[in-house]
Amino acid sequence: DRLNAPIAIVDIGGRTTDYVVVQDQGVVHGSSGSLNRGMLDVKLRVANLIQERFDLHELGEQLISRAVDTNRLRLHGKDHDVSDMVMNAKRELVERLYAETRRKLGLGVELDRILFVGGGSAALSSDIADWFPNQTIADHAAFANARGMLKYLQFVCDDASKER
């Protein structure tokens, strides 16, 4: 019965957010698809805001990643609080993701479970925590795809060995 129950997987990644709804072991195409938004949009927005505020022309990728992760920026030997920039950039992404998730999944009442995976799900966990009463954010969400691929590979290999 659990294999036939309708579930949704929402994968918030770097460049995209992908939606797949599975029911009766098949994909429900009308509720599945991709949105070209992800955590890299947050980094790009934060980079632009930092460049504007501090009148900079270029910033390193590691500097931006650290600023997004820690809400702090170190320039010219001084620490700067950039939490407002990070919060605003995340809010912009979360609002867009929420709208698209509702468009794809509605209220989720017909779904048994909604599983959030991907590094973006981990980074935005507090922002997306209460979207659906039947949702789960995967443990170690950033590695959920890799774990899922490994399980599928094991399943396929196990099936192949049974056929021999």
N, C-alpha and C. Protein backbone atom coordinates (compact mmCIF):
# COMPACT_ATOMS: atom_id res chain seq x y z
N ASP A 1 0.82 -1.20 0.00
CA ASP A 1 0.00 0.00 0.00
C ASP A 1 0.85 1.26 0.00
N ARG A 2 1.97 1.21 0.76
CA ARG A 2 2.83 2.40 0.82
C ARG A 2 3.45 2.71 -0.53
N LEU A 3 3.72 1.67 -1.35
CA LEU A 3 4.28 1.90 -2.68
C LEU A 3 3.28 2.60 -3.59
N ASN A 4 2.01 2.44 -3.33
CA ASN A 4 0.97 3.04 -4.17
C ASN A 4 0.50 4.39 -3.65
N ALA A 5 0.85 4.73 -2.41
CA ALA A 5 0.40 5.99 -1.82
C ALA A 5 1.05 7.17 -2.54
N PRO A 6 0.28 8.22 -2.78
CA PRO A 6 0.84 9.39 -3.47
C PRO A 6 1.78 10.17 -2.55
N ILE A 7 2.97 10.42 -3.05
CA ILE A 7 3.94 11.23 -2.31
C ILE A 7 4.53 12.28 -3.25
N ALA A 8 5.03 13.34 -2.66
CA ALA A 8 5.72 14.37 -3.43
C ALA A 8 7.13 14.51 -2.88
N ILE A 9 8.06 14.73 -3.78
CA ILE A 9 9.44 15.03 -3.39
C ILE A 9 9.77 16.40 -3.96
N VAL A 10 10.22 17.28 -3.09
CA VAL A 10 10.61 18.63 -3.49
C VAL A 10 12.11 18.74 -3.23
N ASP A 11 12.87 18.92 -4.30
CA ASP A 11 14.34 18.97 -4.22
C ASP A 11 14.78 20.40 -4.47
N ILE A 12 15.15 21.09 -3.38
CA ILE A 12 15.64 22.47 -3.49
C ILE A 12 17.15 22.40 -3.61
N GLY A 13 17.64 22.68 -4.80
CA GLY A 13 19.07 22.59 -5.07
C GLY A 13 19.71 23.95 -5.25
N GLY A 14 20.83 23.95 -5.92
CA GLY A 14 21.56 25.18 -6.17
C GLY A 14 20.92 26.02 -7.26
N ARG A 15 20.72 25.42 -8.41
CA ARG A 15 20.19 26.14 -9.56
C ARG A 15 18.67 25.98 -9.74
N THR A 16 18.14 24.83 -9.32
CA THR A 16 16.72 24.56 -9.57
C THR A 16 16.04 23.99 -8.34
N THR A 17 14.72 24.04 -8.38
CA THR A 17 13.89 23.32 -7.42
C THR A 17 13.02 22.40 -8.26
N ASP A 18 13.12 21.12 -7.96
CA ASP A 18 12.42 20.11 -8.75
C ASP A 18 11.32 19.47 -7.93
N TYR A 19 10.21 19.20 -8.61
CA TYR A 19 9.03 18.60 -7.98
C TYR A 19 8.70 17.31 -8.71
N VAL A 20 8.47 16.26 -7.94
CA VAL A 20 7.95 15.03 -8.53
C VAL A 20 6.91 14.46 -7.59
N VAL A 21 5.77 14.13 -8.17
CA VAL A 21 4.71 13.45 -7.43
C VAL A 21 4.62 12.05 -8.00
N VAL A 22 4.65 11.07 -7.11
CA VAL A 22 4.60 9.67 -7.51
C VAL A 22 3.36 9.05 -6.88
N GLN A 23 2.59 8.33 -7.73
CA GLN A 23 1.41 7.62 -7.25
C GLN A 23 1.30 6.32 -8.04
N ASP A 24 0.97 5.26 -7.36
CA ASP A 24 0.87 3.94 -7.99
C ASP A 24 2.14 3.62 -8.78
N GLN A 25 3.27 3.99 -8.22
CA GLN A 25 4.60 3.74 -8.77
C GLN A 25 4.83 4.42 -10.12
N GLY A 26 4.07 5.48 -10.39
CA GLY A 26 4.26 6.26 -11.62
C GLY A 26 4.28 7.74 -11.30
N VAL A 27 4.87 8.51 -12.19
CA VAL A 27 4.99 9.95 -12.01
C VAL A 27 3.68 10.63 -12.44
N VAL A 28 3.20 11.53 -11.61
CA VAL A 28 2.04 12.37 -11.93
C VAL A 28 2.60 13.63 -12.58
N HIS A 29 2.59 13.67 -13.89
CA HIS A 29 3.28 14.73 -14.63
C HIS A 29 2.70 16.12 -14.41
N GLY A 30 1.42 16.23 -14.20
CA GLY A 30 0.80 17.53 -14.00
C GLY A 30 1.26 18.25 -12.74
N SER A 31 1.71 17.48 -11.75
CA SER A 31 2.18 18.07 -10.49
C SER A 31 3.70 18.04 -10.38
N SER A 32 4.36 17.59 -11.41
CA SER A 32 5.82 17.48 -11.38
C SER A 32 6.43 18.51 -12.32
N GLY A 33 7.69 18.82 -12.11
CA GLY A 33 8.37 19.78 -12.97
C GLY A 33 9.50 20.47 -12.24
N SER A 34 10.04 21.51 -12.86
CA SER A 34 11.18 22.24 -12.31
C SER A 34 10.93 23.74 -12.31
N LEU A 35 11.56 24.40 -11.37
CA LEU A 35 11.57 25.85 -11.28
C LEU A 35 13.03 26.27 -11.28
N ASN A 36 13.38 27.21 -12.13
CA ASN A 36 14.77 27.66 -12.21
C ASN A 36 15.12 28.64 -11.10
N ARG A 37 14.99 28.16 -9.87
CA ARG A 37 15.34 28.94 -8.68
C ARG A 37 15.93 27.99 -7.66
N GLY A 38 16.98 28.45 -6.98
CA GLY A 38 17.61 27.65 -5.94
C GLY A 38 18.52 28.51 -5.09
N MET A 39 19.35 27.87 -4.31
CA MET A 39 20.20 28.58 -3.36
C MET A 39 21.23 29.49 -4.04
N LEU A 40 21.58 29.21 -5.27
CA LEU A 40 22.51 30.10 -5.96
C LEU A 40 21.89 31.47 -6.20
N ASP A 41 20.56 31.52 -6.26
CA ASP A 41 19.87 32.81 -6.37
C ASP A 41 20.07 33.65 -5.10
N VAL A 42 20.08 32.98 -3.95
CA VAL A 42 20.33 33.67 -2.69
C VAL A 42 21.75 34.24 -2.71
N LYS A 43 22.71 33.43 -3.10
CA LYS A 43 24.11 33.88 -3.13
C LYS A 43 24.30 35.04 -4.10
N LEU A 44 23.67 34.95 -5.25
CA LEU A 44 23.79 36.03 -6.23
C LEU A 44 23.18 37.32 -5.69
N ARG A 45 22.02 37.21 -5.06
CA ARG A 45 21.36 38.40 -4.50
C ARG A 45 22.20 39.01 -3.38
N VAL A 46 22.74 38.17 -2.50
CA VAL A 46 23.59 38.67 -1.42
C VAL A 46 24.84 39.33 -2.00
N ALA A 47 25.44 38.72 -3.00
CA ALA A 47 26.63 39.31 -3.64
C ALA A 47 26.30 40.70 -4.20
N ASN A 48 25.17 40.83 -4.87
CA ASN A 48 24.78 42.13 -5.42
C ASN A 48 24.55 43.16 -4.33
N LEU A 49 23.90 42.76 -3.24
CA LEU A 49 23.64 43.68 -2.13
C LEU A 49 24.95 44.12 -1.45
N ILE A 50 25.87 43.18 -1.29
CA ILE A 50 27.16 43.50 -0.68
C ILE A 50 27.93 44.46 -1.58
N GLN A 51 27.93 44.18 -2.88
CA GLN A 51 28.65 45.06 -3.81
C GLN A 51 28.08 46.47 -3.78
N GLU A 52 26.77 46.59 -3.70
CA GLU A 52 26.14 47.91 -3.61
C GLU A 52 26.50 48.62 -2.32
N ARG A 53 26.33 47.92 -1.20
CA ARG A 53 26.56 48.55 0.11
C ARG A 53 28.01 48.97 0.32
N PHE A 54 28.94 48.14 -0.13
CA PHE A 54 30.36 48.40 0.14
C PHE A 54 31.11 48.93 -1.08
N ASP A 55 30.39 49.26 -2.14
CA ASP A 55 30.96 49.82 -3.36
C ASP A 55 32.12 48.96 -3.89
N LEU A 56 31.83 47.69 -4.09
CA LEU A 56 32.82 46.75 -4.59
C LEU A 56 32.43 46.30 -6.00
N HIS A 57 33.43 45.96 -6.78
CA HIS A 57 33.16 45.53 -8.15
C HIS A 57 33.16 44.02 -8.29
N GLU A 58 33.87 43.35 -7.39
CA GLU A 58 34.01 41.91 -7.52
C GLU A 58 34.16 41.27 -6.15
N LEU A 59 33.57 40.10 -6.00
CA LEU A 59 33.69 39.35 -4.76
C LEU A 59 33.96 37.88 -5.06
N GLY A 60 34.75 37.24 -4.23
CA GLY A 60 35.03 35.83 -4.41
C GLY A 60 33.86 34.97 -3.99
N GLU A 61 33.73 33.82 -4.63
CA GLU A 61 32.63 32.90 -4.35
C GLU A 61 32.67 32.40 -2.92
N GLN A 62 33.85 32.11 -2.40
CA GLN A 62 33.97 31.62 -1.02
C GLN A 62 33.55 32.69 -0.02
N LEU A 63 33.89 33.93 -0.30
CA LEU A 63 33.50 35.03 0.58
C LEU A 63 31.98 35.13 0.67
N ILE A 64 31.32 35.01 -0.47
CA ILE A 64 29.86 35.08 -0.51
C ILE A 64 29.25 33.89 0.21
N SER A 65 29.77 32.69 -0.05
CA SER A 65 29.24 31.48 0.62
C SER A 65 29.36 31.61 2.12
N ARG A 66 30.49 32.09 2.59
CA ARG A 66 30.70 32.26 4.03
C ARG A 66 29.73 33.30 4.59
N ALA A 67 29.51 34.37 3.85
CA ALA A 67 28.59 35.41 4.30
C ALA A 67 27.16 34.86 4.42
N VAL A 68 26.74 34.05 3.45
CA VAL A 68 25.40 33.46 3.49
C VAL A 68 25.29 32.47 4.65
N ASP A 69 26.33 31.70 4.88
CA ASP A 69 26.30 30.68 5.95
C ASP A 69 26.38 31.28 7.35
N THR A 70 27.15 32.38 7.50
CA THR A 70 27.42 32.91 8.84
C THR A 70 26.77 34.26 9.13
N ASN A 71 26.20 34.90 8.11
CA ASN A 71 25.63 36.25 8.24
C ASN A 71 26.69 37.30 8.57
N ARG A 72 27.94 36.97 8.35
CA ARG A 72 29.06 37.88 8.63
C ARG A 72 29.93 38.00 7.39
N LEU A 73 30.53 39.16 7.24
CA LEU A 73 31.42 39.41 6.11
C LEU A 73 32.66 40.12 6.63
N ARG A 74 33.81 39.62 6.25
CA ARG A 74 35.06 40.25 6.67
C ARG A 74 35.70 40.93 5.47
N LEU A 75 35.79 42.27 5.56
CA LEU A 75 36.39 43.08 4.51
C LEU A 75 37.40 44.03 5.13
N HIS A 76 38.56 44.12 4.53
CA HIS A 76 39.60 45.04 4.99
C HIS A 76 39.88 44.90 6.47
N GLY A 77 39.87 43.65 6.95
CA GLY A 77 40.20 43.37 8.34
C GLY A 77 39.10 43.66 9.34
N LYS A 78 37.90 43.96 8.85
CA LYS A 78 36.79 44.26 9.75
C LYS A 78 35.61 43.36 9.46
N ASP A 79 34.90 42.96 10.52
CA ASP A 79 33.69 42.15 10.38
C ASP A 79 32.48 43.05 10.18
N HIS A 80 31.59 42.59 9.30
CA HIS A 80 30.35 43.32 9.03
C HIS A 80 29.18 42.35 9.15
N ASP A 81 28.11 42.82 9.75
CA ASP A 81 26.89 42.03 9.88
C ASP A 81 26.09 42.18 8.59
N VAL A 82 25.88 41.07 7.89
CA VAL A 82 25.10 41.10 6.64
C VAL A 82 23.83 40.26 6.78
N SER A 83 23.41 40.04 8.02
CA SER A 83 22.24 39.18 8.26
C SER A 83 20.99 39.73 7.58
N ASP A 84 20.83 41.05 7.52
CA ASP A 84 19.66 41.62 6.85
C ASP A 84 19.66 41.29 5.37
N MET A 85 20.83 41.32 4.74
CA MET A 85 20.93 41.00 3.32
C MET A 85 20.61 39.52 3.07
N VAL A 86 21.16 38.67 3.90
CA VAL A 86 20.92 37.23 3.76
C VAL A 86 19.46 36.92 3.99
N MET A 87 18.89 37.51 5.03
CA MET A 87 17.48 37.27 5.35
C MET A 87 16.58 37.73 4.21
N ASN A 88 16.86 38.90 3.64
CA ASN A 88 16.04 39.40 2.52
C ASN A 88 16.16 38.50 1.29
N ALA A 89 17.38 38.07 0.99
CA ALA A 89 17.60 37.21 -0.18
C ALA A 89 16.90 35.87 0.01
N LYS A 90 17.00 35.29 1.21
CA LYS A 90 16.31 34.03 1.48
C LYS A 90 14.80 34.21 1.41
N ARG A 91 14.30 35.31 1.95
CA ARG A 91 12.86 35.56 1.94
C ARG A 91 12.35 35.64 0.50
N GLU A 92 13.08 36.32 -0.38
CA GLU A 92 12.68 36.41 -1.79
C GLU A 92 12.58 35.02 -2.41
N LEU A 93 13.58 34.18 -2.16
CA LEU A 93 13.55 32.83 -2.71
C LEU A 93 12.42 32.01 -2.10
N VAL A 94 12.27 32.08 -0.79
CA VAL A 94 11.24 31.29 -0.10
C VAL A 94 9.85 31.68 -0.59
N GLU A 95 9.60 32.96 -0.80
CA GLU A 95 8.29 33.39 -1.30
C GLU A 95 8.02 32.82 -2.68
N ARG A 96 9.03 32.82 -3.53
CA ARG A 96 8.88 32.27 -4.89
C ARG A 96 8.67 30.76 -4.83
N LEU A 97 9.45 30.08 -3.99
CA LEU A 97 9.32 28.63 -3.85
C LEU A 97 7.96 28.26 -3.28
N TYR A 98 7.51 29.01 -2.30
CA TYR A 98 6.21 28.73 -1.69
C TYR A 98 5.09 28.83 -2.73
N ALA A 99 5.13 29.90 -3.52
CA ALA A 99 4.09 30.09 -4.54
C ALA A 99 4.11 28.93 -5.55
N GLU A 100 5.29 28.53 -5.99
CA GLU A 100 5.38 27.45 -6.96
C GLU A 100 5.00 26.11 -6.34
N THR A 101 5.38 25.89 -5.10
CA THR A 101 5.04 24.64 -4.42
C THR A 101 3.53 24.53 -4.26
N ARG A 102 2.88 25.60 -3.89
CA ARG A 102 1.41 25.58 -3.78
C ARG A 102 0.77 25.37 -5.15
N ARG A 103 1.36 25.97 -6.19
CA ARG A 103 0.82 25.80 -7.53
C ARG A 103 0.92 24.34 -7.96
N LYS A 104 2.04 23.71 -7.65
CA LYS A 104 2.26 22.31 -8.04
C LYS A 104 1.48 21.33 -7.17
N LEU A 105 1.50 21.55 -5.85
CA LEU A 105 0.97 20.56 -4.91
C LEU A 105 -0.33 20.95 -4.24
N GLY A 106 -0.78 22.18 -4.44
CA GLY A 106 -1.97 22.65 -3.75
C GLY A 106 -1.74 22.64 -2.25
N LEU A 107 -2.71 22.20 -1.50
CA LEU A 107 -2.58 22.11 -0.05
C LEU A 107 -1.96 20.78 0.39
N GLY A 108 -1.73 19.90 -0.58
CA GLY A 108 -1.11 18.61 -0.26
C GLY A 108 -2.03 17.63 0.44
N VAL A 109 -3.33 17.89 0.44
CA VAL A 109 -4.25 17.04 1.21
C VAL A 109 -4.38 15.63 0.64
N GLU A 110 -4.14 15.48 -0.66
CA GLU A 110 -4.27 14.16 -1.28
C GLU A 110 -2.96 13.37 -1.22
N LEU A 111 -1.93 14.00 -0.70
CA LEU A 111 -0.61 13.36 -0.64
C LEU A 111 -0.40 12.71 0.71
N ASP A 112 0.17 11.54 0.70
CA ASP A 112 0.50 10.83 1.93
C ASP A 112 1.64 11.54 2.66
N ARG A 113 2.61 11.99 1.90
CA ARG A 113 3.79 12.62 2.47
C ARG A 113 4.39 13.57 1.44
N ILE A 114 4.99 14.64 1.94
CA ILE A 114 5.76 15.56 1.11
C ILE A 114 7.16 15.59 1.71
N LEU A 115 8.13 15.17 0.92
CA LEU A 115 9.51 15.04 1.38
C LEU A 115 10.36 16.12 0.73
N PHE A 116 11.00 16.93 1.56
CA PHE A 116 11.92 17.96 1.07
C PHE A 116 13.34 17.42 1.14
N VAL A 117 14.06 17.52 0.03
CA VAL A 117 15.44 17.08 -0.04
C VAL A 117 16.28 18.17 -0.70
N GLY A 118 17.59 17.95 -0.73
CA GLY A 118 18.50 18.88 -1.38
C GLY A 118 19.12 19.83 -0.37
N GLY A 119 20.25 20.36 -0.76
CA GLY A 119 20.98 21.29 0.10
C GLY A 119 20.18 22.53 0.46
N GLY A 120 19.34 22.98 -0.46
CA GLY A 120 18.49 24.14 -0.19
C GLY A 120 17.47 23.87 0.89
N SER A 121 16.99 22.64 0.94
CA SER A 121 16.03 22.27 2.00
C SER A 121 16.69 22.36 3.37
N ALA A 122 17.96 21.95 3.43
CA ALA A 122 18.69 22.05 4.70
C ALA A 122 18.94 23.52 5.05
N ALA A 123 19.36 24.30 4.07
CA ALA A 123 19.68 25.71 4.32
C ALA A 123 18.44 26.54 4.67
N LEU A 124 17.30 26.14 4.15
CA LEU A 124 16.06 26.90 4.37
C LEU A 124 15.10 26.19 5.33
N SER A 125 15.60 25.21 6.06
CA SER A 125 14.72 24.36 6.87
C SER A 125 13.80 25.14 7.80
N SER A 126 14.29 26.18 8.44
CA SER A 126 13.42 26.93 9.35
C SER A 126 12.38 27.75 8.58
N ASP A 127 12.69 28.11 7.33
CA ASP A 127 11.76 28.91 6.52
C ASP A 127 10.66 28.06 5.88
N ILE A 128 10.92 26.77 5.68
CA ILE A 128 9.95 25.90 5.00
C ILE A 128 9.34 24.88 5.95
N ALA A 129 9.63 24.98 7.23
CA ALA A 129 9.27 23.95 8.21
C ALA A 129 7.78 23.69 8.36
N ASP A 130 6.94 24.66 8.08
CA ASP A 130 5.51 24.48 8.36
C ASP A 130 4.63 24.69 7.13
N TRP A 131 5.12 24.35 5.97
CA TRP A 131 4.32 24.54 4.76
C TRP A 131 3.16 23.54 4.68
N PHE A 132 3.40 22.30 5.11
CA PHE A 132 2.38 21.25 5.03
C PHE A 132 2.40 20.45 6.32
N PRO A 133 1.24 20.01 6.81
CA PRO A 133 1.24 19.20 8.03
C PRO A 133 1.84 17.80 7.81
N ASN A 134 1.87 17.35 6.56
CA ASN A 134 2.37 16.01 6.25
C ASN A 134 3.74 16.05 5.57
N GLN A 135 4.52 17.06 5.88
CA GLN A 135 5.83 17.19 5.25
C GLN A 135 6.94 16.70 6.18
N THR A 136 8.05 16.35 5.54
CA THR A 136 9.26 15.96 6.25
C THR A 136 10.44 16.56 5.51
N ILE A 137 11.38 17.09 6.24
CA ILE A 137 12.65 17.49 5.65
C ILE A 137 13.60 16.35 5.93
N ALA A 138 14.17 15.79 4.88
CA ALA A 138 15.01 14.60 5.01
C ALA A 138 16.19 14.86 5.94
N ASP A 139 16.54 13.84 6.73
CA ASP A 139 17.77 13.91 7.51
C ASP A 139 18.92 14.04 6.52
N HIS A 140 19.85 14.91 6.80
CA HIS A 140 20.98 15.14 5.90
C HIS A 140 20.48 15.38 4.48
N ALA A 141 19.58 16.34 4.36
CA ALA A 141 18.86 16.60 3.11
C ALA A 141 19.78 16.84 1.92
N ALA A 142 20.95 17.41 2.17
CA ALA A 142 21.88 17.69 1.07
C ALA A 142 22.37 16.41 0.40
N PHE A 143 22.33 15.28 1.11
CA PHE A 143 22.82 14.03 0.57
C PHE A 143 21.70 13.05 0.22
N ALA A 144 20.46 13.50 0.29
CA ALA A 144 19.32 12.62 0.05
C ALA A 144 19.32 12.06 -1.36
N ASN A 145 19.68 12.87 -2.35
CA ASN A 145 19.72 12.36 -3.72
C ASN A 145 20.74 11.25 -3.87
N ALA A 146 21.92 11.45 -3.31
CA ALA A 146 22.96 10.43 -3.40
C ALA A 146 22.53 9.14 -2.70
N ARG A 147 21.90 9.28 -1.52
CA ARG A 147 21.42 8.09 -0.81
C ARG A 147 20.32 7.38 -1.61
N GLY A 148 19.44 8.16 -2.22
CA GLY A 148 18.37 7.58 -3.04
C GLY A 148 18.92 6.85 -4.25
N MET A 149 19.92 7.42 -4.90
CA MET A 149 20.54 6.76 -6.05
C MET A 149 21.22 5.47 -5.63
N LEU A 150 21.88 5.48 -4.48
CA LEU A 150 22.52 4.27 -3.99
C LEU A 150 21.48 3.19 -3.71
N LYS A 151 20.38 3.55 -3.06
CA LYS A 151 19.32 2.57 -2.79
C LYS A 151 18.75 2.01 -4.08
N TYR A 152 18.55 2.87 -5.06
CA TYR A 152 18.03 2.41 -6.35
C TYR A 152 19.02 1.45 -7.02
N LEU A 153 20.30 1.81 -6.98
CA LEU A 153 21.33 0.94 -7.56
C LEU A 153 21.34 -0.41 -6.87
N GLN A 154 21.25 -0.40 -5.55
CA GLN A 154 21.22 -1.66 -4.81
C GLN A 154 19.99 -2.48 -5.18
N PHE A 155 18.85 -1.82 -5.34
CA PHE A 155 17.61 -2.49 -5.72
C PHE A 155 17.75 -3.12 -7.11
N VAL A 156 18.29 -2.36 -8.06
CA VAL A 156 18.47 -2.85 -9.43
C VAL A 156 19.46 -4.01 -9.46
N CYS A 157 20.57 -3.86 -8.76
CA CYS A 157 21.58 -4.93 -8.72
C CYS A 157 21.03 -6.18 -8.05
N ASP A 158 20.25 -5.99 -7.01
CA ASP A 158 19.64 -7.12 -6.32
C ASP A 158 18.68 -7.86 -7.24
N ASP A 159 17.87 -7.09 -8.00
CA ASP A 159 16.96 -7.69 -8.97
C ASP A 159 17.72 -8.45 -10.05
N ALA A 160 18.81 -7.86 -10.52
CA ALA A 160 19.60 -8.49 -11.57
C ALA A 160 20.22 -9.80 -11.10
N SER A 161 20.68 -9.82 -9.85
CA SER A 161 21.29 -11.05 -9.32
C SER A 161 20.24 -12.14 -9.12
N LYS A 162 18.99 -11.77 -8.82
CA LYS A 162 17.92 -12.74 -8.65
C LYS A 162 17.54 -13.39 -9.98
N GLU A 163 17.71 -12.63 -11.08
CA GLU A 163 17.34 -13.14 -12.41
C GLU A 163 18.35 -14.15 -12.94
N ARG A 164 19.55 -14.16 -12.40
CA ARG A 164 20.61 -15.07 -12.90
C ARG A 164 20.43 -16.44 -12.46
